[in-house]
Amino acid sequence: MRLPAWIRDLPLRRKVTLLLLAPCLVGLLIASAVLLGLQVRMFRQEVARSMAAVAEILGANLSAAIAINDPKAAAELLDSLQVRGHMVSGALVLPDGTVFAQYGQPVGGLGFEREPRFEFREREASWAEPVMLGGRWWPRCTW
């Protein structure tokens, strides 16, 4: 194997330095990539945890509005999402698919689900949380 002229012409001290520096640089790049991947994963988990907490709190508060069939009160409670600047929309969806109340323009498809579901897309995150009242499933909160 023939070395490029610029490497051949280097003094021995520079060649040794280059020989030691190259693997360190590769190791540093690999470590940086791993740390970046872990940070992205931790960020997604934190977003999911935060959205789950908000959904659980709102679900508990919305159950009264659902029980008395008051979409206006439910919409007012959903409007409290604006306090969290990154939460731009929310909706309560009845089991038949109709929207009971909403805040903003919900992203993604709205539908009724019996299990909590978190979905992370390119530029947005979505959390679906069913609300249970008196042993019966009620509308889904979607953020």
N, C-alpha and C. Protein backbone atom coordinates (compact mmCIF):
# COMPACT_ATOMS: atom_id res chain seq x y z
N MET A 1 0.84 -1.18 0.00
CA MET A 1 0.00 0.00 0.00
C MET A 1 0.89 1.24 0.00
N ARG A 2 0.60 2.11 -0.89
CA ARG A 2 1.41 3.32 -1.05
C ARG A 2 0.71 4.49 -0.34
N LEU A 3 1.44 5.18 0.52
CA LEU A 3 0.91 6.31 1.26
C LEU A 3 0.89 7.56 0.38
N PRO A 4 -0.05 8.45 0.61
CA PRO A 4 -0.04 9.72 -0.13
C PRO A 4 1.25 10.49 0.16
N ALA A 5 1.63 11.34 -0.78
CA ALA A 5 2.89 12.07 -0.68
C ALA A 5 2.92 12.98 0.55
N TRP A 6 1.78 13.59 0.90
CA TRP A 6 1.79 14.51 2.04
C TRP A 6 2.06 13.79 3.35
N ILE A 7 1.68 12.51 3.44
CA ILE A 7 1.97 11.73 4.66
C ILE A 7 3.42 11.26 4.63
N ARG A 8 3.89 10.82 3.48
CA ARG A 8 5.27 10.35 3.36
C ARG A 8 6.27 11.44 3.70
N ASP A 9 5.93 12.68 3.36
CA ASP A 9 6.86 13.78 3.57
C ASP A 9 6.85 14.33 4.99
N LEU A 10 5.92 13.87 5.81
CA LEU A 10 5.86 14.35 7.19
C LEU A 10 7.02 13.81 8.01
N PRO A 11 7.49 14.59 8.98
CA PRO A 11 8.52 14.07 9.87
C PRO A 11 7.95 12.94 10.74
N LEU A 12 8.80 12.09 11.27
CA LEU A 12 8.37 10.93 12.05
C LEU A 12 7.51 11.34 13.25
N ARG A 13 7.89 12.43 13.90
CA ARG A 13 7.14 12.90 15.06
C ARG A 13 5.68 13.22 14.66
N ARG A 14 5.47 13.85 13.53
CA ARG A 14 4.12 14.17 13.05
C ARG A 14 3.36 12.90 12.67
N LYS A 15 4.04 11.92 12.10
CA LYS A 15 3.38 10.67 11.73
C LYS A 15 2.89 9.92 12.97
N VAL A 16 3.69 9.91 14.01
CA VAL A 16 3.29 9.26 15.26
C VAL A 16 2.09 10.00 15.87
N THR A 17 2.16 11.33 15.84
CA THR A 17 1.05 12.13 16.36
C THR A 17 -0.23 11.83 15.58
N LEU A 18 -0.13 11.78 14.27
CA LEU A 18 -1.28 11.47 13.42
C LEU A 18 -1.81 10.07 13.71
N LEU A 19 -0.88 9.13 13.92
CA LEU A 19 -1.25 7.75 14.20
C LEU A 19 -2.01 7.63 15.53
N LEU A 20 -1.64 8.43 16.50
CA LEU A 20 -2.32 8.39 17.80
C LEU A 20 -3.61 9.21 17.80
N LEU A 21 -3.62 10.28 17.03
CA LEU A 21 -4.77 11.16 17.01
C LEU A 21 -5.96 10.59 16.23
N ALA A 22 -5.71 9.88 15.17
CA ALA A 22 -6.80 9.36 14.32
C ALA A 22 -7.75 8.43 15.09
N PRO A 23 -7.25 7.42 15.82
CA PRO A 23 -8.20 6.57 16.57
C PRO A 23 -8.94 7.33 17.67
N CYS A 24 -8.27 8.31 18.27
CA CYS A 24 -8.95 9.11 19.30
C CYS A 24 -10.10 9.90 18.68
N LEU A 25 -9.87 10.45 17.50
CA LEU A 25 -10.92 11.20 16.81
C LEU A 25 -12.09 10.29 16.44
N VAL A 26 -11.80 9.09 15.96
CA VAL A 26 -12.86 8.13 15.62
C VAL A 26 -13.64 7.76 16.88
N GLY A 27 -12.95 7.50 17.98
CA GLY A 27 -13.62 7.17 19.25
C GLY A 27 -14.49 8.31 19.74
N LEU A 28 -14.00 9.53 19.60
CA LEU A 28 -14.76 10.70 20.01
C LEU A 28 -16.03 10.86 19.17
N LEU A 29 -15.92 10.62 17.88
CA LEU A 29 -17.09 10.71 17.00
C LEU A 29 -18.12 9.64 17.35
N ILE A 30 -17.67 8.43 17.62
CA ILE A 30 -18.59 7.35 18.00
C ILE A 30 -19.27 7.68 19.33
N ALA A 31 -18.49 8.15 20.31
CA ALA A 31 -19.07 8.51 21.61
C ALA A 31 -20.08 9.64 21.46
N SER A 32 -19.78 10.61 20.61
CA SER A 32 -20.72 11.72 20.39
C SER A 32 -22.01 11.23 19.76
N ALA A 33 -21.91 10.32 18.81
CA ALA A 33 -23.11 9.77 18.16
C ALA A 33 -23.96 9.00 19.17
N VAL A 34 -23.32 8.23 20.04
CA VAL A 34 -24.06 7.47 21.06
C VAL A 34 -24.75 8.43 22.03
N LEU A 35 -24.04 9.46 22.47
CA LEU A 35 -24.65 10.44 23.39
C LEU A 35 -25.81 11.18 22.75
N LEU A 36 -25.67 11.53 21.48
CA LEU A 36 -26.77 12.18 20.77
C LEU A 36 -27.99 11.27 20.71
N GLY A 37 -27.77 10.00 20.39
CA GLY A 37 -28.87 9.04 20.34
C GLY A 37 -29.56 8.89 21.69
N LEU A 38 -28.77 8.84 22.76
CA LEU A 38 -29.35 8.72 24.11
C LEU A 38 -30.14 9.98 24.48
N GLN A 39 -29.62 11.14 24.11
CA GLN A 39 -30.33 12.39 24.41
C GLN A 39 -31.68 12.45 23.68
N VAL A 40 -31.69 12.04 22.43
CA VAL A 40 -32.95 12.03 21.67
C VAL A 40 -33.94 11.07 22.32
N ARG A 41 -33.46 9.90 22.71
CA ARG A 41 -34.33 8.91 23.35
C ARG A 41 -34.88 9.44 24.68
N MET A 42 -34.01 10.04 25.50
CA MET A 42 -34.45 10.59 26.78
C MET A 42 -35.43 11.74 26.58
N PHE A 43 -35.21 12.56 25.56
CA PHE A 43 -36.13 13.65 25.27
C PHE A 43 -37.51 13.11 24.92
N ARG A 44 -37.56 12.10 24.08
CA ARG A 44 -38.85 11.51 23.70
C ARG A 44 -39.56 10.91 24.91
N GLN A 45 -38.80 10.24 25.78
CA GLN A 45 -39.41 9.66 26.98
C GLN A 45 -39.94 10.76 27.89
N GLU A 46 -39.21 11.85 28.01
CA GLU A 46 -39.66 12.96 28.87
C GLU A 46 -40.91 13.62 28.30
N VAL A 47 -40.96 13.78 26.98
CA VAL A 47 -42.16 14.34 26.35
C VAL A 47 -43.36 13.43 26.61
N ALA A 48 -43.16 12.12 26.46
CA ALA A 48 -44.25 11.17 26.70
C ALA A 48 -44.71 11.22 28.15
N ARG A 49 -43.76 11.28 29.08
CA ARG A 49 -44.10 11.33 30.50
C ARG A 49 -44.87 12.62 30.83
N SER A 50 -44.42 13.73 30.28
CA SER A 50 -45.08 15.01 30.51
C SER A 50 -46.50 15.01 29.95
N MET A 51 -46.66 14.50 28.72
CA MET A 51 -47.98 14.46 28.10
C MET A 51 -48.91 13.51 28.85
N ALA A 52 -48.37 12.41 29.35
CA ALA A 52 -49.19 11.46 30.11
C ALA A 52 -49.70 12.10 31.39
N ALA A 53 -48.84 12.87 32.07
CA ALA A 53 -49.25 13.52 33.31
C ALA A 53 -50.35 14.54 33.04
N VAL A 54 -50.17 15.35 32.01
CA VAL A 54 -51.19 16.35 31.67
C VAL A 54 -52.50 15.65 31.28
N ALA A 55 -52.40 14.59 30.50
CA ALA A 55 -53.61 13.87 30.07
C ALA A 55 -54.34 13.27 31.26
N GLU A 56 -53.60 12.73 32.20
CA GLU A 56 -54.23 12.11 33.38
C GLU A 56 -54.93 13.17 34.23
N ILE A 57 -54.28 14.31 34.42
CA ILE A 57 -54.88 15.39 35.21
C ILE A 57 -56.12 15.95 34.51
N LEU A 58 -55.98 16.22 33.21
CA LEU A 58 -57.14 16.73 32.47
C LEU A 58 -58.26 15.71 32.40
N GLY A 59 -57.91 14.45 32.24
CA GLY A 59 -58.93 13.40 32.20
C GLY A 59 -59.75 13.36 33.48
N ALA A 60 -59.06 13.51 34.62
CA ALA A 60 -59.77 13.51 35.90
C ALA A 60 -60.67 14.74 36.01
N ASN A 61 -60.18 15.88 35.55
CA ASN A 61 -60.99 17.11 35.62
C ASN A 61 -62.13 17.12 34.61
N LEU A 62 -61.92 16.50 33.47
CA LEU A 62 -62.94 16.50 32.41
C LEU A 62 -64.08 15.53 32.69
N SER A 63 -63.87 14.60 33.57
CA SER A 63 -64.91 13.59 33.81
C SER A 63 -66.22 14.21 34.28
N ALA A 64 -66.15 15.30 35.06
CA ALA A 64 -67.37 15.96 35.52
C ALA A 64 -68.12 16.59 34.33
N ALA A 65 -67.38 17.25 33.44
CA ALA A 65 -68.02 17.87 32.27
C ALA A 65 -68.63 16.81 31.37
N ILE A 66 -67.99 15.67 31.30
CA ILE A 66 -68.52 14.57 30.48
C ILE A 66 -69.79 14.01 31.12
N ALA A 67 -69.74 13.84 32.44
CA ALA A 67 -70.87 13.24 33.15
C ALA A 67 -72.14 14.07 33.01
N ILE A 68 -72.01 15.41 33.00
CA ILE A 68 -73.20 16.26 32.89
C ILE A 68 -73.42 16.72 31.44
N ASN A 69 -72.66 16.17 30.52
CA ASN A 69 -72.80 16.45 29.09
C ASN A 69 -72.69 17.95 28.80
N ASP A 70 -71.58 18.54 29.24
CA ASP A 70 -71.35 19.98 29.07
C ASP A 70 -70.10 20.21 28.21
N PRO A 71 -70.27 20.27 26.89
CA PRO A 71 -69.11 20.47 26.01
C PRO A 71 -68.42 21.81 26.23
N LYS A 72 -69.18 22.85 26.66
CA LYS A 72 -68.57 24.16 26.89
C LYS A 72 -67.57 24.10 28.04
N ALA A 73 -67.95 23.45 29.13
CA ALA A 73 -67.04 23.31 30.27
C ALA A 73 -65.82 22.47 29.88
N ALA A 74 -66.05 21.44 29.09
CA ALA A 74 -64.93 20.60 28.63
C ALA A 74 -63.98 21.41 27.75
N ALA A 75 -64.54 22.26 26.89
CA ALA A 75 -63.69 23.09 26.02
C ALA A 75 -62.89 24.09 26.84
N GLU A 76 -63.50 24.64 27.89
CA GLU A 76 -62.78 25.57 28.76
C GLU A 76 -61.63 24.87 29.46
N LEU A 77 -61.85 23.64 29.91
CA LEU A 77 -60.77 22.89 30.54
C LEU A 77 -59.67 22.57 29.53
N LEU A 78 -60.05 22.22 28.30
CA LEU A 78 -59.04 21.95 27.27
C LEU A 78 -58.26 23.21 26.92
N ASP A 79 -58.90 24.37 27.03
CA ASP A 79 -58.19 25.63 26.76
C ASP A 79 -57.04 25.86 27.73
N SER A 80 -57.07 25.18 28.88
CA SER A 80 -55.97 25.32 29.84
C SER A 80 -54.66 24.74 29.27
N LEU A 81 -54.75 24.01 28.17
CA LEU A 81 -53.53 23.49 27.54
C LEU A 81 -52.65 24.61 27.01
N GLN A 82 -53.23 25.78 26.76
CA GLN A 82 -52.42 26.87 26.22
C GLN A 82 -51.36 27.34 27.20
N VAL A 83 -51.52 27.02 28.48
CA VAL A 83 -50.50 27.35 29.48
C VAL A 83 -49.19 26.64 29.14
N ARG A 84 -49.31 25.42 28.64
CA ARG A 84 -48.14 24.67 28.17
C ARG A 84 -47.94 25.04 26.71
N GLY A 85 -47.07 25.96 26.42
CA GLY A 85 -46.90 26.52 25.09
C GLY A 85 -46.69 25.51 23.98
N HIS A 86 -46.07 24.37 24.30
CA HIS A 86 -45.81 23.38 23.26
C HIS A 86 -47.01 22.49 22.97
N MET A 87 -48.07 22.57 23.78
CA MET A 87 -49.28 21.79 23.52
C MET A 87 -50.24 22.67 22.74
N VAL A 88 -50.34 22.42 21.46
CA VAL A 88 -51.08 23.32 20.57
C VAL A 88 -52.50 22.87 20.30
N SER A 89 -52.86 21.66 20.69
CA SER A 89 -54.23 21.21 20.44
C SER A 89 -54.61 20.10 21.40
N GLY A 90 -55.91 19.90 21.52
CA GLY A 90 -56.44 18.82 22.34
C GLY A 90 -57.88 18.57 21.95
N ALA A 91 -58.34 17.35 22.13
CA ALA A 91 -59.72 17.03 21.76
C ALA A 91 -60.26 15.91 22.63
N LEU A 92 -61.56 15.93 22.84
CA LEU A 92 -62.28 14.83 23.48
C LEU A 92 -63.14 14.18 22.40
N VAL A 93 -62.92 12.91 22.17
CA VAL A 93 -63.63 12.19 21.12
C VAL A 93 -64.52 11.14 21.76
N LEU A 94 -65.80 11.16 21.41
CA LEU A 94 -66.75 10.18 21.94
C LEU A 94 -66.52 8.81 21.30
N PRO A 95 -67.00 7.75 21.95
CA PRO A 95 -66.82 6.41 21.37
C PRO A 95 -67.38 6.25 19.96
N ASP A 96 -68.39 7.07 19.59
CA ASP A 96 -68.92 6.97 18.22
C ASP A 96 -68.11 7.79 17.21
N GLY A 97 -67.05 8.46 17.68
CA GLY A 97 -66.16 9.19 16.78
C GLY A 97 -66.43 10.68 16.68
N THR A 98 -67.50 11.17 17.31
CA THR A 98 -67.79 12.61 17.25
C THR A 98 -66.91 13.35 18.26
N VAL A 99 -66.57 14.58 17.92
CA VAL A 99 -65.73 15.41 18.80
C VAL A 99 -66.63 16.11 19.81
N PHE A 100 -66.41 15.83 21.09
CA PHE A 100 -67.20 16.41 22.19
C PHE A 100 -66.75 17.84 22.46
N ALA A 101 -65.43 18.06 22.50
CA ALA A 101 -64.86 19.38 22.73
C ALA A 101 -63.43 19.36 22.20
N GLN A 102 -62.93 20.54 21.83
CA GLN A 102 -61.56 20.58 21.35
C GLN A 102 -60.92 21.93 21.60
N TYR A 103 -59.60 21.93 21.62
CA TYR A 103 -58.81 23.14 21.74
C TYR A 103 -57.81 23.12 20.59
N GLY A 104 -57.73 24.19 19.82
CA GLY A 104 -56.82 24.24 18.68
C GLY A 104 -57.26 23.30 17.58
N GLN A 105 -56.37 23.03 16.66
CA GLN A 105 -56.62 22.09 15.56
C GLN A 105 -55.86 20.79 15.84
N PRO A 106 -56.55 19.75 16.27
CA PRO A 106 -55.87 18.49 16.57
C PRO A 106 -55.12 17.95 15.35
N VAL A 107 -53.93 17.45 15.60
CA VAL A 107 -53.11 16.86 14.53
C VAL A 107 -53.35 15.36 14.50
N GLY A 108 -53.21 14.79 13.33
CA GLY A 108 -53.41 13.35 13.21
C GLY A 108 -54.88 13.00 13.21
N GLY A 109 -55.14 11.72 13.10
CA GLY A 109 -56.52 11.26 13.08
C GLY A 109 -57.09 11.17 14.48
N LEU A 110 -58.34 11.57 14.62
CA LEU A 110 -59.02 11.46 15.91
C LEU A 110 -59.88 10.20 15.89
N GLY A 111 -59.78 9.43 16.91
CA GLY A 111 -60.58 8.24 17.02
C GLY A 111 -60.62 7.79 18.46
N PHE A 112 -61.56 6.95 18.80
CA PHE A 112 -61.71 6.48 20.17
C PHE A 112 -60.80 5.28 20.40
N GLU A 113 -60.09 5.28 21.52
CA GLU A 113 -59.22 4.16 21.88
C GLU A 113 -59.38 3.85 23.36
N ARG A 114 -59.23 2.58 23.70
CA ARG A 114 -59.36 2.16 25.09
C ARG A 114 -58.03 2.08 25.83
N GLU A 115 -56.94 2.22 25.14
CA GLU A 115 -55.62 2.15 25.76
C GLU A 115 -54.87 3.46 25.51
N PRO A 116 -54.09 3.92 26.50
CA PRO A 116 -53.27 5.10 26.26
C PRO A 116 -52.27 4.81 25.14
N ARG A 117 -52.05 5.82 24.30
CA ARG A 117 -51.13 5.63 23.17
C ARG A 117 -50.34 6.90 22.95
N PHE A 118 -49.03 6.75 22.85
CA PHE A 118 -48.14 7.87 22.55
C PHE A 118 -47.52 7.64 21.18
N GLU A 119 -47.52 8.69 20.38
CA GLU A 119 -46.96 8.58 19.04
C GLU A 119 -46.08 9.79 18.78
N PHE A 120 -44.85 9.54 18.36
CA PHE A 120 -43.92 10.62 18.05
C PHE A 120 -43.68 10.62 16.56
N ARG A 121 -44.10 11.68 15.89
CA ARG A 121 -43.87 11.81 14.45
C ARG A 121 -42.74 12.79 14.21
N GLU A 122 -42.53 13.14 12.97
CA GLU A 122 -41.42 13.99 12.60
C GLU A 122 -41.33 15.28 13.41
N ARG A 123 -42.40 16.06 13.42
CA ARG A 123 -42.36 17.35 14.08
C ARG A 123 -43.40 17.49 15.19
N GLU A 124 -44.06 16.42 15.54
CA GLU A 124 -45.12 16.52 16.54
C GLU A 124 -45.24 15.23 17.32
N ALA A 125 -45.84 15.36 18.48
CA ALA A 125 -46.10 14.20 19.33
C ALA A 125 -47.59 14.16 19.61
N SER A 126 -48.13 12.97 19.79
CA SER A 126 -49.55 12.81 20.03
C SER A 126 -49.74 11.83 21.19
N TRP A 127 -50.66 12.17 22.09
CA TRP A 127 -50.97 11.30 23.22
C TRP A 127 -52.47 11.07 23.23
N ALA A 128 -52.88 9.81 23.26
CA ALA A 128 -54.30 9.47 23.36
C ALA A 128 -54.53 8.83 24.73
N GLU A 129 -55.46 9.38 25.47
CA GLU A 129 -55.73 8.89 26.83
C GLU A 129 -57.23 8.69 26.99
N PRO A 130 -57.67 7.45 27.21
CA PRO A 130 -59.11 7.25 27.44
C PRO A 130 -59.50 7.72 28.85
N VAL A 131 -60.73 8.17 28.99
CA VAL A 131 -61.24 8.63 30.28
C VAL A 131 -62.29 7.62 30.73
N MET A 132 -62.16 7.15 31.99
CA MET A 132 -63.12 6.19 32.51
C MET A 132 -63.92 6.87 33.62
N LEU A 133 -65.22 6.75 33.54
CA LEU A 133 -66.09 7.37 34.53
C LEU A 133 -67.18 6.37 34.91
N GLY A 134 -67.22 6.02 36.17
CA GLY A 134 -68.23 5.08 36.65
C GLY A 134 -68.14 3.72 35.97
N GLY A 135 -66.92 3.25 35.72
CA GLY A 135 -66.73 1.94 35.10
C GLY A 135 -67.02 1.91 33.61
N ARG A 136 -67.22 3.08 33.01
CA ARG A 136 -67.55 3.14 31.59
C ARG A 136 -66.53 4.02 30.86
N TRP A 137 -66.14 3.61 29.66
CA TRP A 137 -65.19 4.38 28.86
C TRP A 137 -65.88 5.60 28.27
N TRP A 138 -65.19 6.71 28.35
CA TRP A 138 -65.70 7.96 27.84
C TRP A 138 -64.76 8.49 26.78
N PRO A 139 -64.93 9.74 26.39
CA PRO A 139 -64.13 10.27 25.28
C PRO A 139 -62.62 10.16 25.50
N ARG A 140 -61.95 10.23 24.41
CA ARG A 140 -60.49 10.16 24.40
C ARG A 140 -59.93 11.57 24.39
N CYS A 141 -58.91 11.78 25.19
CA CYS A 141 -58.19 13.06 25.17
C CYS A 141 -57.01 12.87 24.22
N THR A 142 -56.88 13.75 23.28
CA THR A 142 -55.76 13.69 22.35
C THR A 142 -55.01 15.01 22.39
N TRP A 143 -53.71 14.98 22.57
CA TRP A 143 -52.91 16.20 22.60
C TRP A 143 -51.97 16.15 21.44
